[in-house]
Amino acid sequence: MNYTIKSRIWIESEEGVFLGEGRVRLLKAIEETGSLRKAANLLNMSYKKAWNLLDSMNKVAAKPLVITVTGGKGGGGAHVTEYGKAVIETFDNINQKCWQFLDKELKQISL
């Protein structure tokens, strides 16, 4: 019999959730589009929800993950900081190692 294992990981602080798969997807979309609004649209998420998620991550992070520039005549935008890129990479590595471990352990009962 073939089994699959389902799991999600997230990182919390005393203030609540800091990082999870959805938040990392938002950071990656900001990096790709250069805009919080465009990232929210890409993920079919409201701008308000995207802003709230980003604000909560930036408040909990040791350093800002994303720097935003208010729109106007010259236009606005958002960019992921070097620290934000490192956080994305670290989360992806943790997630990948977690899945490798879980797949290995699942084989114990899939024989």
C-alpha atoms as a PDB file:
ATOM      1  CA  MET A   1       0.000   0.000   0.000  1.00  0.00           C
ATOM      2  CA  ASN A   2       1.225   3.495  -0.805  1.00  0.00           C
ATOM      3  CA  TYR A   3       0.799   6.119   1.860  1.00  0.00           C
ATOM      4  CA  THR A   4       1.329   9.844   1.759  1.00  0.00           C
ATOM      5  CA  ILE A   5       2.084  12.082   4.672  1.00  0.00           C
ATOM      6  CA  LYS A   6       0.680  15.580   5.059  1.00  0.00           C
ATOM      7  CA  SER A   7       2.300  18.262   7.150  1.00  0.00           C
ATOM      8  CA  ARG A   8       2.797  22.013   7.296  1.00  0.00           C
ATOM      9  CA  ILE A   9       5.391  23.854   9.266  1.00  0.00           C
ATOM     10  CA  TRP A  10       5.489  27.407  10.494  1.00  0.00           C
ATOM     11  CA  ILE A  11       7.684  29.474  12.749  1.00  0.00           C
ATOM     12  CA  GLU A  12       6.160  31.307  15.702  1.00  0.00           C
ATOM     13  CA  SER A  13       7.291  33.958  18.137  1.00  0.00           C
ATOM     14  CA  GLU A  14       5.685  35.144  21.353  1.00  0.00           C
ATOM     15  CA  GLU A  15       3.549  37.470  19.204  1.00  0.00           C
ATOM     16  CA  GLY A  16       2.194  34.639  17.036  1.00  0.00           C
ATOM     17  CA  VAL A  17       2.989  33.222  13.610  1.00  0.00           C
ATOM     18  CA  PHE A  18       6.096  34.696  12.034  1.00  0.00           C
ATOM     19  CA  LEU A  19       6.534  32.599   8.913  1.00  0.00           C
ATOM     20  CA  GLY A  20       4.769  29.803   7.079  1.00  0.00           C
ATOM     21  CA  GLU A  21       4.296  28.577   3.528  1.00  0.00           C
ATOM     22  CA  GLY A  22       1.669  31.192   2.653  1.00  0.00           C
ATOM     23  CA  ARG A  23       3.746  34.041   4.020  1.00  0.00           C
ATOM     24  CA  VAL A  24       6.799  32.815   2.127  1.00  0.00           C
ATOM     25  CA  ARG A  25       4.717  32.652  -1.069  1.00  0.00           C
ATOM     26  CA  LEU A  26       3.776  36.302  -0.457  1.00  0.00           C
ATOM     27  CA  LEU A  27       7.427  37.288   0.003  1.00  0.00           C
ATOM     28  CA  LYS A  28       8.379  35.460  -3.200  1.00  0.00           C
ATOM     29  CA  ALA A  29       5.544  37.153  -5.098  1.00  0.00           C
ATOM     30  CA  ILE A  30       6.719  40.558  -3.853  1.00  0.00           C
ATOM     31  CA  GLU A  31      10.225  39.707  -5.002  1.00  0.00           C
ATOM     32  CA  GLU A  32       8.882  38.653  -8.408  1.00  0.00           C
ATOM     33  CA  THR A  33       6.541  41.612  -8.988  1.00  0.00           C
ATOM     34  CA  GLY A  34       8.214  44.428  -7.059  1.00  0.00           C
ATOM     35  CA  SER A  35       4.833  45.400  -5.639  1.00  0.00           C
ATOM     36  CA  LEU A  36       2.692  44.349  -2.693  1.00  0.00           C
ATOM     37  CA  ARG A  37      -0.509  45.017  -4.651  1.00  0.00           C
ATOM     38  CA  LYS A  38       0.683  42.978  -7.655  1.00  0.00           C
ATOM     39  CA  ALA A  39       1.864  40.189  -5.335  1.00  0.00           C
ATOM     40  CA  ALA A  40      -1.550  40.103  -3.646  1.00  0.00           C
ATOM     41  CA  ASN A  41      -3.291  39.953  -7.033  1.00  0.00           C
ATOM     42  CA  LEU A  42      -0.960  37.187  -8.186  1.00  0.00           C
ATOM     43  CA  LEU A  43      -1.908  35.145  -5.119  1.00  0.00           C
ATOM     44  CA  ASN A  44      -5.634  35.997  -5.352  1.00  0.00           C
ATOM     45  CA  MET A  45      -5.382  37.705  -1.981  1.00  0.00           C
ATOM     46  CA  SER A  46      -6.829  41.020  -0.918  1.00  0.00           C
ATOM     47  CA  TYR A  47      -4.392  43.893  -0.602  1.00  0.00           C
ATOM     48  CA  LYS A  48      -5.492  44.366   3.024  1.00  0.00           C
ATOM     49  CA  LYS A  49      -4.699  40.758   3.909  1.00  0.00           C
ATOM     50  CA  ALA A  50      -1.332  40.962   2.143  1.00  0.00           C
ATOM     51  CA  TRP A  51      -0.517  44.215   3.946  1.00  0.00           C
ATOM     52  CA  ASN A  52      -1.507  42.730   7.331  1.00  0.00           C
ATOM     53  CA  LEU A  53       0.623  39.618   6.746  1.00  0.00           C
ATOM     54  CA  LEU A  54       3.610  41.683   5.657  1.00  0.00           C
ATOM     55  CA  ASP A  55       3.211  44.103   8.547  1.00  0.00           C
ATOM     56  CA  SER A  56       3.055  41.275  11.094  1.00  0.00           C
ATOM     57  CA  MET A  57       6.154  39.600   9.601  1.00  0.00           C
ATOM     58  CA  ASN A  58       8.138  42.845   9.580  1.00  0.00           C
ATOM     59  CA  LYS A  59       7.155  43.576  13.205  1.00  0.00           C
ATOM     60  CA  VAL A  60       8.369  40.176  14.420  1.00  0.00           C
ATOM     61  CA  ALA A  61      11.484  39.886  12.230  1.00  0.00           C
ATOM     62  CA  ALA A  62      14.919  40.838  13.536  1.00  0.00           C
ATOM     63  CA  LYS A  63      15.214  43.196  10.543  1.00  0.00           C
ATOM     64  CA  PRO A  64      12.717  44.258   7.859  1.00  0.00           C
ATOM     65  CA  LEU A  65      11.923  41.542   5.320  1.00  0.00           C
ATOM     66  CA  VAL A  66      10.408  43.959   2.812  1.00  0.00           C
ATOM     67  CA  ILE A  67      10.808  47.679   2.277  1.00  0.00           C
ATOM     68  CA  THR A  68       7.783  49.431   0.791  1.00  0.00           C
ATOM     69  CA  VAL A  69       7.662  52.775  -0.975  1.00  0.00           C
ATOM     70  CA  THR A  70       4.372  54.653  -0.965  1.00  0.00           C
ATOM     71  CA  GLY A  71       2.844  55.240  -4.386  1.00  0.00           C
ATOM     72  CA  GLY A  72       2.315  58.594  -5.932  1.00  0.00           C
ATOM     73  CA  LYS A  73       3.535  60.450  -8.979  1.00  0.00           C
ATOM     74  CA  GLY A  74       6.696  58.348  -9.253  1.00  0.00           C
ATOM     75  CA  GLY A  75       4.865  55.154  -8.317  1.00  0.00           C
ATOM     76  CA  GLY A  76       5.363  52.964  -5.310  1.00  0.00           C
ATOM     77  CA  GLY A  77       6.792  49.546  -4.902  1.00  0.00           C
ATOM     78  CA  ALA A  78       8.190  46.967  -2.573  1.00  0.00           C
ATOM     79  CA  HIS A  79      11.388  45.002  -2.492  1.00  0.00           C
ATOM     80  CA  VAL A  80      12.544  42.063  -0.438  1.00  0.00           C
ATOM     81  CA  THR A  81      15.631  42.917   1.591  1.00  0.00           C
ATOM     82  CA  GLU A  82      18.765  40.772   1.696  1.00  0.00           C
ATOM     83  CA  TYR A  83      17.651  39.624   5.136  1.00  0.00           C
ATOM     84  CA  GLY A  84      14.227  38.769   3.681  1.00  0.00           C
ATOM     85  CA  LYS A  85      15.864  36.709   0.932  1.00  0.00           C
ATOM     86  CA  ALA A  86      17.925  34.852   3.540  1.00  0.00           C
ATOM     87  CA  VAL A  87      14.775  34.151   5.571  1.00  0.00           C
ATOM     88  CA  ILE A  88      13.013  32.763   2.474  1.00  0.00           C
ATOM     89  CA  GLU A  89      15.972  30.521   1.669  1.00  0.00           C
ATOM     90  CA  THR A  90      16.261  29.303   5.250  1.00  0.00           C
ATOM     91  CA  PHE A  91      12.543  28.512   5.463  1.00  0.00           C
ATOM     92  CA  ASP A  92      12.673  26.644   2.145  1.00  0.00           C
ATOM     93  CA  ASN A  93      15.660  24.618   3.381  1.00  0.00           C
ATOM     94  CA  ILE A  94      13.933  23.768   6.654  1.00  0.00           C
ATOM     95  CA  ASN A  95      10.783  22.789   4.777  1.00  0.00           C
ATOM     96  CA  GLN A  96      12.703  20.604   2.307  1.00  0.00           C
ATOM     97  CA  LYS A  97      14.603  18.827   5.093  1.00  0.00           C
ATOM     98  CA  CYS A  98      11.362  18.288   6.974  1.00  0.00           C
ATOM     99  CA  TRP A  99       9.761  16.636   3.929  1.00  0.00           C
ATOM    100  CA  GLN A 100      12.818  14.454   3.351  1.00  0.00           C
ATOM    101  CA  PHE A 101      12.704  13.311   6.974  1.00  0.00           C
ATOM    102  CA  LEU A 102       8.967  12.624   6.873  1.00  0.00           C
ATOM    103  CA  ASP A 103       9.228  10.680   3.605  1.00  0.00           C
ATOM    104  CA  LYS A 104      12.056   8.591   5.065  1.00  0.00           C
ATOM    105  CA  GLU A 105      10.082   7.859   8.219  1.00  0.00           C
ATOM    106  CA  LEU A 106       6.929   7.028   6.268  1.00  0.00           C
ATOM    107  CA  LYS A 107       8.824   4.281   4.433  1.00  0.00           C
ATOM    108  CA  GLN A 108       8.985   2.432   7.756  1.00  0.00           C
ATOM    109  CA  ILE A 109       5.272   1.635   7.539  1.00  0.00           C
ATOM    110  CA  SER A 110       4.971   1.518   3.750  1.00  0.00           C
ATOM    111  CA  LEU A 111       6.924  -1.718   3.361  1.00  0.00           C
END
